[in-house]
Amino acid sequence: MVNQTDAEGFGHCSNTEACEVECPQTIPVLHIACMNYEYNKGLVLKP
């Protein structure tokens, strides 16, 4: 999912949380932060 959002030009949320207001699916910033955390953890722990 992270790769697809990057491919479509969504980019990362800023610290202002402006993406939460603009998100057409009203995804909370907390969920986006958790997704990014898990994604980055997976990159670091990749065998």
PDB file of N, CA and C in Angstrom:
ATOM      1  N   MET A   1       0.823  -1.191   0.000  1.00  0.00           N
ATOM      2  CA  MET A   1       0.000   0.000   0.000  1.00  0.00           C
ATOM      3  C   MET A   1       0.866   1.253   0.000  1.00  0.00           C
ATOM      4  N   VAL A   2       1.946   1.218   0.763  1.00  0.00           N
ATOM      5  CA  VAL A   2       2.835   2.377   0.818  1.00  0.00           C
ATOM      6  C   VAL A   2       3.437   2.648  -0.553  1.00  0.00           C
ATOM      7  N   ASN A   3       3.868   1.605  -1.237  1.00  0.00           N
ATOM      8  CA  ASN A   3       4.444   1.781  -2.574  1.00  0.00           C
ATOM      9  C   ASN A   3       3.430   2.366  -3.544  1.00  0.00           C
ATOM     10  N   GLN A   4       2.182   1.946  -3.452  1.00  0.00           N
ATOM     11  CA  GLN A   4       1.144   2.448  -4.353  1.00  0.00           C
ATOM     12  C   GLN A   4       0.846   3.920  -4.085  1.00  0.00           C
ATOM     13  N   THR A   5       0.774   4.312  -2.820  1.00  0.00           N
ATOM     14  CA  THR A   5       0.518   5.730  -2.523  1.00  0.00           C
ATOM     15  C   THR A   5       1.676   6.592  -2.999  1.00  0.00           C
ATOM     16  N   ASP A   6       2.903   6.094  -2.884  1.00  0.00           N
ATOM     17  CA  ASP A   6       4.058   6.830  -3.406  1.00  0.00           C
ATOM     18  C   ASP A   6       3.993   6.932  -4.927  1.00  0.00           C
ATOM     19  N   ALA A   7       3.610   5.845  -5.588  1.00  0.00           N
ATOM     20  CA  ALA A   7       3.522   5.830  -7.049  1.00  0.00           C
ATOM     21  C   ALA A   7       2.472   6.808  -7.562  1.00  0.00           C
ATOM     22  N   GLU A   8       1.410   7.006  -6.788  1.00  0.00           N
ATOM     23  CA  GLU A   8       0.348   7.918  -7.195  1.00  0.00           C
ATOM     24  C   GLU A   8       0.576   9.348  -6.724  1.00  0.00           C
ATOM     25  N   GLY A   9       1.718   9.586  -6.083  1.00  0.00           N
ATOM     26  CA  GLY A   9       2.083  10.943  -5.715  1.00  0.00           C
ATOM     27  C   GLY A   9       1.465  11.471  -4.438  1.00  0.00           C
ATOM     28  N   PHE A  10       1.012  10.585  -3.564  1.00  0.00           N
ATOM     29  CA  PHE A  10       0.439  11.057  -2.310  1.00  0.00           C
ATOM     30  C   PHE A  10       1.504  11.587  -1.369  1.00  0.00           C
ATOM     31  N   GLY A  11       2.673  10.966  -1.358  1.00  0.00           N
ATOM     32  CA  GLY A  11       3.752  11.413  -0.487  1.00  0.00           C
ATOM     33  C   GLY A  11       3.430  11.155   0.968  1.00  0.00           C
ATOM     34  N   HIS A  12       4.292  11.672   1.837  1.00  0.00           N
ATOM     35  CA  HIS A  12       4.120  11.475   3.271  1.00  0.00           C
ATOM     36  C   HIS A  12       3.358  12.638   3.882  1.00  0.00           C
ATOM     37  N   CYS A  13       2.700  12.361   4.970  1.00  0.00           N
ATOM     38  CA  CYS A  13       2.030  13.417   5.714  1.00  0.00           C
ATOM     39  C   CYS A  13       3.070  14.296   6.396  1.00  0.00           C
ATOM     40  N   SER A  14       2.728  15.548   6.537  1.00  0.00           N
ATOM     41  CA  SER A  14       3.621  16.454   7.257  1.00  0.00           C
ATOM     42  C   SER A  14       3.223  16.475   8.729  1.00  0.00           C
ATOM     43  N   ASN A  15       3.976  17.189   9.515  1.00  0.00           N
ATOM     44  CA  ASN A  15       3.659  17.299  10.935  1.00  0.00           C
ATOM     45  C   ASN A  15       2.414  18.143  11.192  1.00  0.00           C
ATOM     46  N   THR A  16       1.940  18.840  10.172  1.00  0.00           N
ATOM     47  CA  THR A  16       0.739  19.660  10.348  1.00  0.00           C
ATOM     48  C   THR A  16      -0.536  18.836  10.233  1.00  0.00           C
ATOM     49  N   GLU A  17      -0.406  17.589   9.821  1.00  0.00           N
ATOM     50  CA  GLU A  17      -1.543  16.669   9.661  1.00  0.00           C
ATOM     51  C   GLU A  17      -2.570  17.167   8.646  1.00  0.00           C
ATOM     52  N   ALA A  18      -2.109  17.944   7.665  1.00  0.00           N
ATOM     53  CA  ALA A  18      -3.004  18.469   6.640  1.00  0.00           C
ATOM     54  C   ALA A  18      -3.600  17.354   5.789  1.00  0.00           C
ATOM     55  N   CYS A  19      -2.890  16.237   5.683  1.00  0.00           N
ATOM     56  CA  CYS A  19      -3.376  15.141   4.848  1.00  0.00           C
ATOM     57  C   CYS A  19      -4.671  14.538   5.392  1.00  0.00           C
ATOM     58  N   GLU A  20      -4.864  14.593   6.696  1.00  0.00           N
ATOM     59  CA  GLU A  20      -6.075  14.024   7.293  1.00  0.00           C
ATOM     60  C   GLU A  20      -7.314  14.769   6.803  1.00  0.00           C
ATOM     61  N   VAL A  21      -7.197  16.068   6.656  1.00  0.00           N
ATOM     62  CA  VAL A  21      -8.320  16.881   6.181  1.00  0.00           C
ATOM     63  C   VAL A  21      -8.571  16.634   4.702  1.00  0.00           C
ATOM     64  N   GLU A  22      -7.503  16.462   3.923  1.00  0.00           N
ATOM     65  CA  GLU A  22      -7.609  16.297   2.476  1.00  0.00           C
ATOM     66  C   GLU A  22      -7.942  14.874   2.043  1.00  0.00           C
ATOM     67  N   CYS A  23      -7.761  13.906   2.919  1.00  0.00           N
ATOM     68  CA  CYS A  23      -7.948  12.501   2.561  1.00  0.00           C
ATOM     69  C   CYS A  23      -9.398  12.218   2.170  1.00  0.00           C
ATOM     70  N   PRO A  24      -9.622  11.698   0.947  1.00  0.00           N
ATOM     71  CA  PRO A  24     -10.997  11.411   0.520  1.00  0.00           C
ATOM     72  C   PRO A  24     -11.640  10.267   1.301  1.00  0.00           C
ATOM     73  N   GLN A  25     -10.836   9.418   1.930  1.00  0.00           N
ATOM     74  CA  GLN A  25     -11.366   8.295   2.700  1.00  0.00           C
ATOM     75  C   GLN A  25     -11.418   8.594   4.192  1.00  0.00           C
ATOM     76  N   THR A  26     -11.065   9.797   4.584  1.00  0.00           N
ATOM     77  CA  THR A  26     -11.019  10.238   5.991  1.00  0.00           C
ATOM     78  C   THR A  26     -10.260   9.252   6.882  1.00  0.00           C
ATOM     79  N   ILE A  27      -9.072   8.874   6.423  1.00  0.00           N
ATOM     80  CA  ILE A  27      -8.212   7.979   7.202  1.00  0.00           C
ATOM     81  C   ILE A  27      -7.520   8.803   8.281  1.00  0.00           C
ATOM     82  N   PRO A  28      -7.655   8.420   9.550  1.00  0.00           N
ATOM     83  CA  PRO A  28      -7.016   9.177  10.628  1.00  0.00           C
ATOM     84  C   PRO A  28      -5.486   9.138  10.528  1.00  0.00           C
ATOM     85  N   VAL A  29      -4.851  10.227  10.942  1.00  0.00           N
ATOM     86  CA  VAL A  29      -3.393  10.325  10.919  1.00  0.00           C
ATOM     87  C   VAL A  29      -2.762   9.208  11.745  1.00  0.00           C
ATOM     88  N   LEU A  30      -3.402   8.808  12.820  1.00  0.00           N
ATOM     89  CA  LEU A  30      -2.870   7.725  13.648  1.00  0.00           C
ATOM     90  C   LEU A  30      -2.711   6.439  12.839  1.00  0.00           C
ATOM     91  N   HIS A  31      -3.671   6.138  11.985  1.00  0.00           N
ATOM     92  CA  HIS A  31      -3.592   4.927  11.167  1.00  0.00           C
ATOM     93  C   HIS A  31      -2.482   5.041  10.131  1.00  0.00           C
ATOM     94  N   ILE A  32      -2.324   6.219   9.556  1.00  0.00           N
ATOM     95  CA  ILE A  32      -1.256   6.437   8.582  1.00  0.00           C
ATOM     96  C   ILE A  32       0.104   6.296   9.264  1.00  0.00           C
ATOM     97  N   ALA A  33       0.223   6.846  10.465  1.00  0.00           N
ATOM     98  CA  ALA A  33       1.481   6.750  11.219  1.00  0.00           C
ATOM     99  C   ALA A  33       1.802   5.297  11.549  1.00  0.00           C
ATOM    100  N   CYS A  34       0.800   4.523  11.949  1.00  0.00           N
ATOM    101  CA  CYS A  34       1.015   3.102  12.261  1.00  0.00           C
ATOM    102  C   CYS A  34       1.442   2.334  11.017  1.00  0.00           C
ATOM    103  N   MET A  35       0.811   2.634   9.882  1.00  0.00           N
ATOM    104  CA  MET A  35       1.167   1.966   8.636  1.00  0.00           C
ATOM    105  C   MET A  35       2.616   2.280   8.268  1.00  0.00           C
ATOM    106  N   ASN A  36       3.009   3.542   8.363  1.00  0.00           N
ATOM    107  CA  ASN A  36       4.379   3.923   8.036  1.00  0.00           C
ATOM    108  C   ASN A  36       5.378   3.295   8.997  1.00  0.00           C
ATOM    109  N   TYR A  37       5.025   3.203  10.263  1.00  0.00           N
ATOM    110  CA  TYR A  37       5.902   2.577  11.253  1.00  0.00           C
ATOM    111  C   TYR A  37       6.135   1.111  10.904  1.00  0.00           C
ATOM    112  N   GLU A  38       5.053   0.390  10.632  1.00  0.00           N
ATOM    113  CA  GLU A  38       5.170  -1.028  10.300  1.00  0.00           C
ATOM    114  C   GLU A  38       5.947  -1.235   9.000  1.00  0.00           C
ATOM    115  N   TYR A  39       5.718  -0.365   8.033  1.00  0.00           N
ATOM    116  CA  TYR A  39       6.430  -0.453   6.754  1.00  0.00           C
ATOM    117  C   TYR A  39       7.928  -0.255   6.964  1.00  0.00           C
ATOM    118  N   ASN A  40       8.292   0.785   7.701  1.00  0.00           N
ATOM    119  CA  ASN A  40       9.707   1.070   7.950  1.00  0.00           C
ATOM    120  C   ASN A  40      10.363  -0.015   8.799  1.00  0.00           C
ATOM    121  N   LYS A  41       9.630  -0.543   9.766  1.00  0.00           N
ATOM    122  CA  LYS A  41      10.151  -1.638  10.582  1.00  0.00           C
ATOM    123  C   LYS A  41      10.430  -2.853   9.701  1.00  0.00           C
ATOM    124  N   GLY A  42       9.541  -3.110   8.769  1.00  0.00           N
ATOM    125  CA  GLY A  42       9.737  -4.222   7.848  1.00  0.00           C
ATOM    126  C   GLY A  42      10.954  -4.034   6.955  1.00  0.00           C
ATOM    127  N   LEU A  43      11.214  -2.800   6.551  1.00  0.00           N
ATOM    128  CA  LEU A  43      12.399  -2.531   5.737  1.00  0.00           C
ATOM    129  C   LEU A  43      13.681  -2.778   6.522  1.00  0.00           C
ATOM    130  N   VAL A  44      13.683  -2.383   7.785  1.00  0.00           N
ATOM    131  CA  VAL A  44      14.872  -2.528   8.623  1.00  0.00           C
ATOM    132  C   VAL A  44      15.119  -3.990   8.973  1.00  0.00           C
ATOM    133  N   LEU A  45      14.066  -4.724   9.256  1.00  0.00           N
ATOM    134  CA  LEU A  45      14.203  -6.111   9.697  1.00  0.00           C
ATOM    135  C   LEU A  45      14.166  -7.121   8.551  1.00  0.00           C
ATOM    136  N   LYS A  46      14.154  -6.613   7.322  1.00  0.00           N
ATOM    137  CA  LYS A  46      14.099  -7.483   6.149  1.00  0.00           C
ATOM    138  C   LYS A  46      15.329  -8.386   6.115  1.00  0.00           C
ATOM    139  N   PRO A  47      15.130  -9.708   5.948  1.00  0.00           N
ATOM    140  CA  PRO A  47      16.279 -10.640   5.963  1.00  0.00           C
ATOM    141  C   PRO A  47      17.212 -10.458   4.785  1.00  0.00           C
TER     142      PRO A  47
END
